[in-house]
C-alpha atoms as a PDB file:
ATOM      1  CA  MET A   1     -73.336  -9.708-136.219  1.00  0.00           C
ATOM      2  CA  ARG A   2     -75.080  -7.643-132.906  1.00  0.00           C
ATOM      3  CA  ARG A   3     -76.351  -9.169-129.620  1.00  0.00           C
ATOM      4  CA  LYS A   4     -80.192  -8.464-128.970  1.00  0.00           C
ATOM      5  CA  THR A   5     -79.142  -5.868-126.459  1.00  0.00           C
ATOM      6  CA  GLY A   6     -77.859  -4.228-129.423  1.00  0.00           C
ATOM      7  CA  PHE A   7     -74.386  -3.839-128.384  1.00  0.00           C
ATOM      8  CA  LEU A   8     -71.228  -4.695-131.412  1.00  0.00           C
ATOM      9  CA  THR A   9     -69.540  -7.278-131.268  1.00  0.00           C
ATOM     10  CA  ILE A  10     -66.348  -7.960-132.908  1.00  0.00           C
ATOM     11  CA  ASP A  11     -67.599  -9.195-136.096  1.00  0.00           C
ATOM     12  CA  TYR A  12     -69.662  -6.476-137.714  1.00  0.00           C
ATOM     13  CA  ALA A  13     -66.191  -4.542-137.043  1.00  0.00           C
ATOM     14  CA  LYS A  14     -64.429  -6.599-138.655  1.00  0.00           C
ATOM     15  CA  GLY A  15     -66.827  -6.650-141.264  1.00  0.00           C
ATOM     16  CA  ARG A  16     -66.647  -2.741-141.801  1.00  0.00           C
ATOM     17  CA  GLU A  17     -63.303  -3.022-143.158  1.00  0.00           C
ATOM     18  CA  ARG A  18     -64.326  -5.183-145.730  1.00  0.00           C
ATOM     19  CA  LYS A  19     -68.493  -4.350-146.557  1.00  0.00           C
ATOM     20  CA  LYS A  20     -69.550  -1.566-148.807  1.00  0.00           C
ATOM     21  CA  SER A  21     -72.615  -0.782-146.867  1.00  0.00           C
ATOM     22  CA  LEU A  22     -71.017  -0.691-143.694  1.00  0.00           C
ATOM     23  CA  LYS A  23     -67.991   1.086-144.685  1.00  0.00           C
ATOM     24  CA  TYR A  24     -69.976   3.414-146.451  1.00  0.00           C
ATOM     25  CA  ARG A  25     -72.459   4.650-143.308  1.00  0.00           C
ATOM     26  CA  LEU A  26     -69.377   4.738-140.998  1.00  0.00           C
ATOM     27  CA  TRP A  27     -67.495   7.265-143.406  1.00  0.00           C
ATOM     28  CA  ARG A  28     -70.623   9.414-144.002  1.00  0.00           C
ATOM     29  CA  ARG A  29     -71.165   9.796-140.152  1.00  0.00           C
ATOM     30  CA  THR A  30     -67.824  10.070-139.460  1.00  0.00           C
ATOM     31  CA  HIS A  31     -67.963  13.081-142.219  1.00  0.00           C
ATOM     32  CA  GLU A  32     -70.932  14.716-140.334  1.00  0.00           C
ATOM     33  CA  VAL A  33     -69.256  14.413-136.870  1.00  0.00           C
ATOM     34  CA  LEU A  34     -66.180  16.260-138.422  1.00  0.00           C
ATOM     35  CA  ARG A  35     -68.288  18.817-140.440  1.00  0.00           C
ATOM     36  CA  ALA A  36     -69.948  19.586-136.969  1.00  0.00           C
ATOM     37  CA  ILE A  37     -67.220  20.157-134.961  1.00  0.00           C
ATOM     38  CA  GLU A  38     -65.531  22.620-137.490  1.00  0.00           C
ATOM     39  CA  GLN A  39     -68.561  24.566-137.865  1.00  0.00           C
ATOM     40  CA  PHE A  40     -69.889  24.876-134.661  1.00  0.00           C
ATOM     41  CA  SER A  41     -67.446  24.635-132.131  1.00  0.00           C
ATOM     42  CA  GLU A  42     -66.335  27.856-129.972  1.00  0.00           C
ATOM     43  CA  ILE A  43     -63.678  26.292-127.996  1.00  0.00           C
ATOM     44  CA  PRO A  44     -60.357  24.844-128.714  1.00  0.00           C
ATOM     45  CA  VAL A  45     -60.905  20.866-129.153  1.00  0.00           C
ATOM     46  CA  GLU A  46     -58.070  19.710-126.704  1.00  0.00           C
ATOM     47  CA  ASN A  47     -60.060  16.360-125.442  1.00  0.00           C
ATOM     48  CA  ILE A  48     -62.916  14.321-127.598  1.00  0.00           C
ATOM     49  CA  ILE A  49     -64.737  11.628-126.331  1.00  0.00           C
ATOM     50  CA  ASP A  50     -66.858   8.714-128.506  1.00  0.00           C
ATOM     51  CA  LEU A  51     -69.280   6.920-127.043  1.00  0.00           C
ATOM     52  CA  GLY A  52     -69.978   3.624-128.392  1.00  0.00           C
ATOM     53  CA  THR A  53     -66.727   3.648-130.349  1.00  0.00           C
ATOM     54  CA  ALA A  54     -67.026  -0.174-130.685  1.00  0.00           C
ATOM     55  CA  GLU A  55     -62.654  -0.461-132.608  1.00  0.00           C
ATOM     56  CA  GLY A  56     -62.342   3.371-132.643  1.00  0.00           C
ATOM     57  CA  ARG A  57     -62.546   3.491-136.859  1.00  0.00           C
ATOM     58  CA  MET A  58     -64.546   6.830-136.393  1.00  0.00           C
ATOM     59  CA  LEU A  59     -62.314   8.415-133.970  1.00  0.00           C
ATOM     60  CA  ASN A  60     -59.195   7.179-135.421  1.00  0.00           C
ATOM     61  CA  VAL A  61     -60.534   9.608-138.615  1.00  0.00           C
ATOM     62  CA  ILE A  62     -60.883  11.969-135.760  1.00  0.00           C
ATOM     63  CA  LYS A  63     -57.862  11.654-134.506  1.00  0.00           C
ATOM     64  CA  ASP A  64     -56.378  12.778-137.478  1.00  0.00           C
ATOM     65  CA  ARG A  65     -58.071  15.966-138.103  1.00  0.00           C
ATOM     66  CA  TYR A  66     -57.467  16.941-134.518  1.00  0.00           C
ATOM     67  CA  PRO A  67     -53.485  15.195-134.416  1.00  0.00           C
ATOM     68  CA  LYS A  68     -53.167  17.008-130.808  1.00  0.00           C
ATOM     69  CA  ALA A  69     -56.186  16.720-128.969  1.00  0.00           C
ATOM     70  CA  ARG A  70     -56.852  13.951-126.457  1.00  0.00           C
ATOM     71  CA  CYS A  71     -59.092  11.221-127.648  1.00  0.00           C
ATOM     72  CA  VAL A  72     -61.170   8.437-125.659  1.00  0.00           C
ATOM     73  CA  GLY A  73     -63.274   6.046-126.735  1.00  0.00           C
ATOM     74  CA  VAL A  74     -65.985   4.277-124.640  1.00  0.00           C
ATOM     75  CA  GLU A  75     -66.773   0.426-125.449  1.00  0.00           C
ATOM     76  CA  TYR A  76     -68.899  -2.183-123.572  1.00  0.00           C
ATOM     77  CA  ASP A  77     -67.683  -4.437-125.375  1.00  0.00           C
ATOM     78  CA  LYS A  78     -64.283  -6.198-123.899  1.00  0.00           C
ATOM     79  CA  THR A  79     -63.238  -7.845-126.950  1.00  0.00           C
ATOM     80  CA  LEU A  80     -63.842  -5.024-129.169  1.00  0.00           C
ATOM     81  CA  VAL A  81     -61.684  -2.410-126.606  1.00  0.00           C
ATOM     82  CA  THR A  82     -58.751  -5.010-126.843  1.00  0.00           C
ATOM     83  CA  TYR A  83     -58.970  -5.352-130.698  1.00  0.00           C
ATOM     84  CA  GLY A  84     -59.293  -1.255-131.071  1.00  0.00           C
ATOM     85  CA  SER A  85     -56.429  -0.862-128.490  1.00  0.00           C
ATOM     86  CA  GLU A  86     -54.313  -2.754-130.453  1.00  0.00           C
ATOM     87  CA  ARG A  87     -54.818  -1.504-133.988  1.00  0.00           C
ATOM     88  CA  PHE A  88     -55.118   2.584-132.613  1.00  0.00           C
ATOM     89  CA  PRO A  89     -52.556   2.129-130.312  1.00  0.00           C
ATOM     90  CA  ARG A  90     -52.448   6.259-130.212  1.00  0.00           C
ATOM     91  CA  LEU A  91     -56.218   6.058-128.865  1.00  0.00           C
ATOM     92  CA  TYR A  92     -57.560   5.712-125.263  1.00  0.00           C
ATOM     93  CA  PHE A  93     -59.910   3.157-124.663  1.00  0.00           C
ATOM     94  CA  VAL A  94     -62.271   2.675-122.179  1.00  0.00           C
ATOM     95  CA  GLN A  95     -64.406  -0.655-121.050  1.00  0.00           C
ATOM     96  CA  SER A  96     -67.474   1.252-119.838  1.00  0.00           C
ATOM     97  CA  ASP A  97     -71.179   1.005-120.090  1.00  0.00           C
ATOM     98  CA  ILE A  98     -72.285   5.144-121.690  1.00  0.00           C
ATOM     99  CA  GLN A  99     -74.708   5.097-118.805  1.00  0.00           C
ATOM    100  CA  HIS A 100     -72.087   5.828-115.992  1.00  0.00           C
ATOM    101  CA  LEU A 101     -69.391   7.889-117.032  1.00  0.00           C
ATOM    102  CA  SER A 102     -66.608   7.896-114.417  1.00  0.00           C
ATOM    103  CA  PHE A 103     -64.990  10.945-115.888  1.00  0.00           C
ATOM    104  CA  LYS A 104     -64.112  13.831-114.033  1.00  0.00           C
ATOM    105  CA  LYS A 105     -66.739  16.908-114.750  1.00  0.00           C
ATOM    106  CA  ASP A 106     -66.719  19.361-117.435  1.00  0.00           C
ATOM    107  CA  ILE A 107     -63.423  17.549-118.899  1.00  0.00           C
ATOM    108  CA  PHE A 108     -64.242  17.070-122.512  1.00  0.00           C
ATOM    109  CA  ASP A 109     -64.815  19.929-124.971  1.00  0.00           C
ATOM    110  CA  VAL A 110     -66.633  17.112-127.364  1.00  0.00           C
ATOM    111  CA  VAL A 111     -68.552  14.359-126.738  1.00  0.00           C
ATOM    112  CA  VAL A 112     -69.555  11.949-129.649  1.00  0.00           C
ATOM    113  CA  ALA A 113     -72.586   9.624-129.966  1.00  0.00           C
ATOM    114  CA  THR A 114     -73.279   8.398-133.319  1.00  0.00           C
ATOM    115  CA  ALA A 115     -75.543   5.132-133.874  1.00  0.00           C
ATOM    116  CA  VAL A 116     -76.012   4.927-129.418  1.00  0.00           C
ATOM    117  CA  ILE A 117     -78.704   6.585-128.378  1.00  0.00           C
ATOM    118  CA  GLU A 118     -81.254   4.242-129.391  1.00  0.00           C
ATOM    119  CA  HIS A 119     -78.702   1.416-127.373  1.00  0.00           C
ATOM    120  CA  VAL A 120     -79.506   3.168-124.203  1.00  0.00           C
ATOM    121  CA  PRO A 121     -82.284   1.848-121.514  1.00  0.00           C
ATOM    122  CA  ASP A 122     -82.447   5.367-120.254  1.00  0.00           C
ATOM    123  CA  PRO A 123     -81.317   7.979-123.056  1.00  0.00           C
ATOM    124  CA  SER A 124     -82.511  10.918-120.105  1.00  0.00           C
ATOM    125  CA  LYS A 125     -79.733   8.980-118.145  1.00  0.00           C
ATOM    126  CA  ALA A 126     -76.573   9.189-120.887  1.00  0.00           C
ATOM    127  CA  LEU A 127     -78.013  12.834-121.408  1.00  0.00           C
ATOM    128  CA  ARG A 128     -77.614  13.917-117.631  1.00  0.00           C
ATOM    129  CA  GLY A 129     -74.097  11.691-117.844  1.00  0.00           C
ATOM    130  CA  ILE A 130     -72.879  13.764-121.185  1.00  0.00           C
ATOM    131  CA  LYS A 131     -73.587  16.652-119.921  1.00  0.00           C
ATOM    132  CA  ARG A 132     -71.724  16.136-116.517  1.00  0.00           C
ATOM    133  CA  VAL A 133     -68.463  15.633-118.519  1.00  0.00           C
ATOM    134  CA  LEU A 134     -68.796  17.844-121.384  1.00  0.00           C
ATOM    135  CA  THR A 135     -66.920  21.488-120.943  1.00  0.00           C
ATOM    136  CA  PRO A 136     -69.244  24.843-120.982  1.00  0.00           C
ATOM    137  CA  GLY A 137     -69.450  25.391-124.808  1.00  0.00           C
ATOM    138  CA  GLY A 138     -68.869  21.873-125.703  1.00  0.00           C
ATOM    139  CA  LEU A 139     -70.472  20.044-128.272  1.00  0.00           C
ATOM    140  CA  LEU A 140     -72.433  16.629-128.479  1.00  0.00           C
ATOM    141  CA  ILE A 141     -73.088  15.569-131.777  1.00  0.00           C
ATOM    142  CA  LEU A 142     -75.596  12.558-131.889  1.00  0.00           C
ATOM    143  CA  THR A 143     -76.863  10.446-134.324  1.00  0.00           C
ATOM    144  CA  ALA A 144     -79.635   8.062-134.733  1.00  0.00           C
ATOM    145  CA  PRO A 145     -81.777   6.133-137.539  1.00  0.00           C
ATOM    146  CA  ASP A 146     -84.999   7.467-138.396  1.00  0.00           C
ATOM    147  CA  PRO A 147     -87.660   5.238-137.082  1.00  0.00           C
ATOM    148  CA  PHE A 148     -89.902   4.790-140.256  1.00  0.00           C
ATOM    149  CA  TRP A 149     -87.087   3.131-142.363  1.00  0.00           C
ATOM    150  CA  GLU A 150     -85.827   1.067-139.144  1.00  0.00           C
ATOM    151  CA  ASN A 151     -89.111  -0.198-138.640  1.00  0.00           C
ATOM    152  CA  LEU A 152     -88.529  -0.942-142.651  1.00  0.00           C
ATOM    153  CA  ALA A 153     -85.785  -2.451-142.782  1.00  0.00           C
ATOM    154  CA  THR A 154     -86.634  -4.612-139.439  1.00  0.00           C
ATOM    155  CA  LYS A 155     -90.040  -5.841-141.175  1.00  0.00           C
ATOM    156  CA  VAL A 156     -87.714  -7.152-144.077  1.00  0.00           C
ATOM    157  CA  GLY A 157     -85.008  -8.844-142.523  1.00  0.00           C
ATOM    158  CA  HIS A 158     -82.150  -6.730-142.841  1.00  0.00           C
ATOM    159  CA  LEU A 159     -82.073  -5.914-138.936  1.00  0.00           C
ATOM    160  CA  GLU A 160     -82.590  -7.901-136.465  1.00  0.00           C
ATOM    161  CA  LYS A 161     -85.805  -7.360-133.747  1.00  0.00           C
ATOM    162  CA  GLU A 162     -85.202  -5.769-130.768  1.00  0.00           C
ATOM    163  CA  GLN A 163     -81.917  -4.132-131.672  1.00  0.00           C
ATOM    164  CA  HIS A 164     -83.084  -1.132-129.993  1.00  0.00           C
ATOM    165  CA  HIS A 165     -84.364  -0.113-126.948  1.00  0.00           C
ATOM    166  CA  ARG A 166     -85.886   3.156-128.480  1.00  0.00           C
ATOM    167  CA  VAL A 167     -85.843   4.732-131.787  1.00  0.00           C
ATOM    168  CA  MET A 168     -86.804   8.354-131.789  1.00  0.00           C
ATOM    169  CA  GLY A 169     -87.933  10.981-134.262  1.00  0.00           C
ATOM    170  CA  LEU A 170     -85.940  14.199-134.850  1.00  0.00           C
ATOM    171  CA  GLU A 171     -88.266  16.475-133.016  1.00  0.00           C
ATOM    172  CA  GLU A 172     -88.764  13.760-129.971  1.00  0.00           C
ATOM    173  CA  LEU A 173     -84.441  13.249-130.234  1.00  0.00           C
ATOM    174  CA  LYS A 174     -84.341  17.418-130.360  1.00  0.00           C
ATOM    175  CA  THR A 175     -86.970  17.271-127.189  1.00  0.00           C
ATOM    176  CA  LEU A 176     -85.252  14.853-125.565  1.00  0.00           C
ATOM    177  CA  VAL A 177     -81.544  16.796-125.644  1.00  0.00           C
ATOM    178  CA  MET A 178     -82.994  20.408-124.932  1.00  0.00           C
ATOM    179  CA  ALA A 179     -84.775  19.055-121.798  1.00  0.00           C
ATOM    180  CA  GLU A 180     -81.652  18.043-120.248  1.00  0.00           C
ATOM    181  CA  GLY A 181     -80.254  21.667-120.025  1.00  0.00           C
ATOM    182  CA  PHE A 182     -78.766  21.693-124.455  1.00  0.00           C
ATOM    183  CA  THR A 183     -79.050  24.381-126.530  1.00  0.00           C
ATOM    184  CA  VAL A 184     -79.309  22.274-129.829  1.00  0.00           C
ATOM    185  CA  VAL A 185     -77.652  24.628-132.591  1.00  0.00           C
ATOM    186  CA  GLN A 186     -78.519  21.997-135.893  1.00  0.00           C
ATOM    187  CA  SER A 187     -80.752  19.345-136.098  1.00  0.00           C
ATOM    188  CA  MET A 188     -81.320  17.799-139.377  1.00  0.00           C
ATOM    189  CA  LYS A 189     -81.870  14.360-141.400  1.00  0.00           C
ATOM    190  CA  PHE A 190     -78.868  12.828-143.586  1.00  0.00           C
ATOM    191  CA  MET A 191     -77.836   9.843-145.833  1.00  0.00           C
ATOM    192  CA  VAL A 192     -80.637   8.863-148.370  1.00  0.00           C
ATOM    193  CA  SER A 193     -78.780   5.761-149.781  1.00  0.00           C
ATOM    194  CA  PRO A 194     -77.279   3.529-147.565  1.00  0.00           C
ATOM    195  CA  VAL A 195     -74.261   2.785-149.834  1.00  0.00           C
ATOM    196  CA  GLY A 196     -73.261   6.318-151.263  1.00  0.00           C
ATOM    197  CA  MET A 197     -74.464   7.963-154.428  1.00  0.00           C
ATOM    198  CA  PRO A 198     -72.955  10.486-157.043  1.00  0.00           C
ATOM    199  CA  LEU A 199     -73.679  14.378-155.672  1.00  0.00           C
ATOM    200  CA  GLU A 200     -74.985  12.798-152.573  1.00  0.00           C
ATOM    201  CA  PHE A 201     -74.744  16.341-150.539  1.00  0.00           C
ATOM    202  CA  GLY A 202     -76.015  18.721-153.729  1.00  0.00           C
ATOM    203  CA  PHE A 203     -79.485  16.124-153.667  1.00  0.00           C
ATOM    204  CA  GLU A 204     -80.073  16.033-150.002  1.00  0.00           C
ATOM    205  CA  LYS A 205     -79.739  19.744-149.501  1.00  0.00           C
ATOM    206  CA  LEU A 206     -82.498  19.645-152.861  1.00  0.00           C
ATOM    207  CA  LEU A 207     -84.842  17.556-150.792  1.00  0.00           C
ATOM    208  CA  ARG A 208     -84.591  19.454-147.200  1.00  0.00           C
ATOM    209  CA  ARG A 209     -85.662  22.481-149.342  1.00  0.00           C
ATOM    210  CA  LEU A 210     -88.284  20.719-151.098  1.00  0.00           C
ATOM    211  CA  GLN A 211     -89.431  19.164-147.270  1.00  0.00           C
ATOM    212  CA  LEU A 212     -88.328  15.541-148.469  1.00  0.00           C
ATOM    213  CA  ASN A 213     -86.837  15.338-145.705  1.00  0.00           C
ATOM    214  CA  PHE A 214     -88.674  11.666-144.959  1.00  0.00           C
ATOM    215  CA  LEU A 215     -86.541  10.288-147.742  1.00  0.00           C
ATOM    216  CA  MET A 216     -83.428   9.963-145.540  1.00  0.00           C
ATOM    217  CA  ALA A 217     -82.416   7.523-142.750  1.00  0.00           C
ATOM    218  CA  ASN A 218     -80.262   9.042-140.208  1.00  0.00           C
ATOM    219  CA  GLN A 219     -80.896  12.183-138.278  1.00  0.00           C
ATOM    220  CA  LEU A 220     -78.383  14.543-136.459  1.00  0.00           C
ATOM    221  CA  ILE A 221     -78.426  16.568-133.581  1.00  0.00           C
ATOM    222  CA  VAL A 222     -75.594  18.650-132.638  1.00  0.00           C
ATOM    223  CA  ALA A 223     -76.019  20.668-129.504  1.00  0.00           C
ATOM    224  CA  ARG A 224     -73.853  22.494-127.399  1.00  0.00           C
ATOM    225  CA  CYS A 225     -73.075  22.356-123.037  1.00  0.00           C
END
């Protein structure tokens, strides 16, 4: 469903329309993105960019919450750009490598990069490009898989080998983001189940309180430019 380079394919995108686990993971990441914008944004949210947007499904939900915002999705795969443009015509799609963003400086109020930093060969270069296009005070919202659970999923055959260039832990991600001049306002683990569970938010809060964060499979960084 993914190429070895880690780019999404149209089959994966369409799978998110019907497969419970894929639908859930997308929903949960979207929930965390919206929560982060609402909790930490200190400037008007007028321009939002989603890096590695695939067919734009998450971005479309963000657009529902911020209907007046200009929502731009950057995707490497041309087929996904075409599919997303047809499916979500109110979004603006750009086919590009996220390591070479050609937008003007200081143009976006929010940059979303969920499950994408592990796919790029040079994360620091990608972060420098993100910082350039973010407005002062703008937010970067980044998620990435936890290395332990990622490695386990690969060993049991749930994920293909060589799918990701580099999978970093939460502290390493935080250090990387801060090294590029961002101020981290939140870093945490989330997602205790790959398909969701009753009362999951309360349960995850309890795990954090008990310092059992390692049981959660995803990581979130929210940083301000």
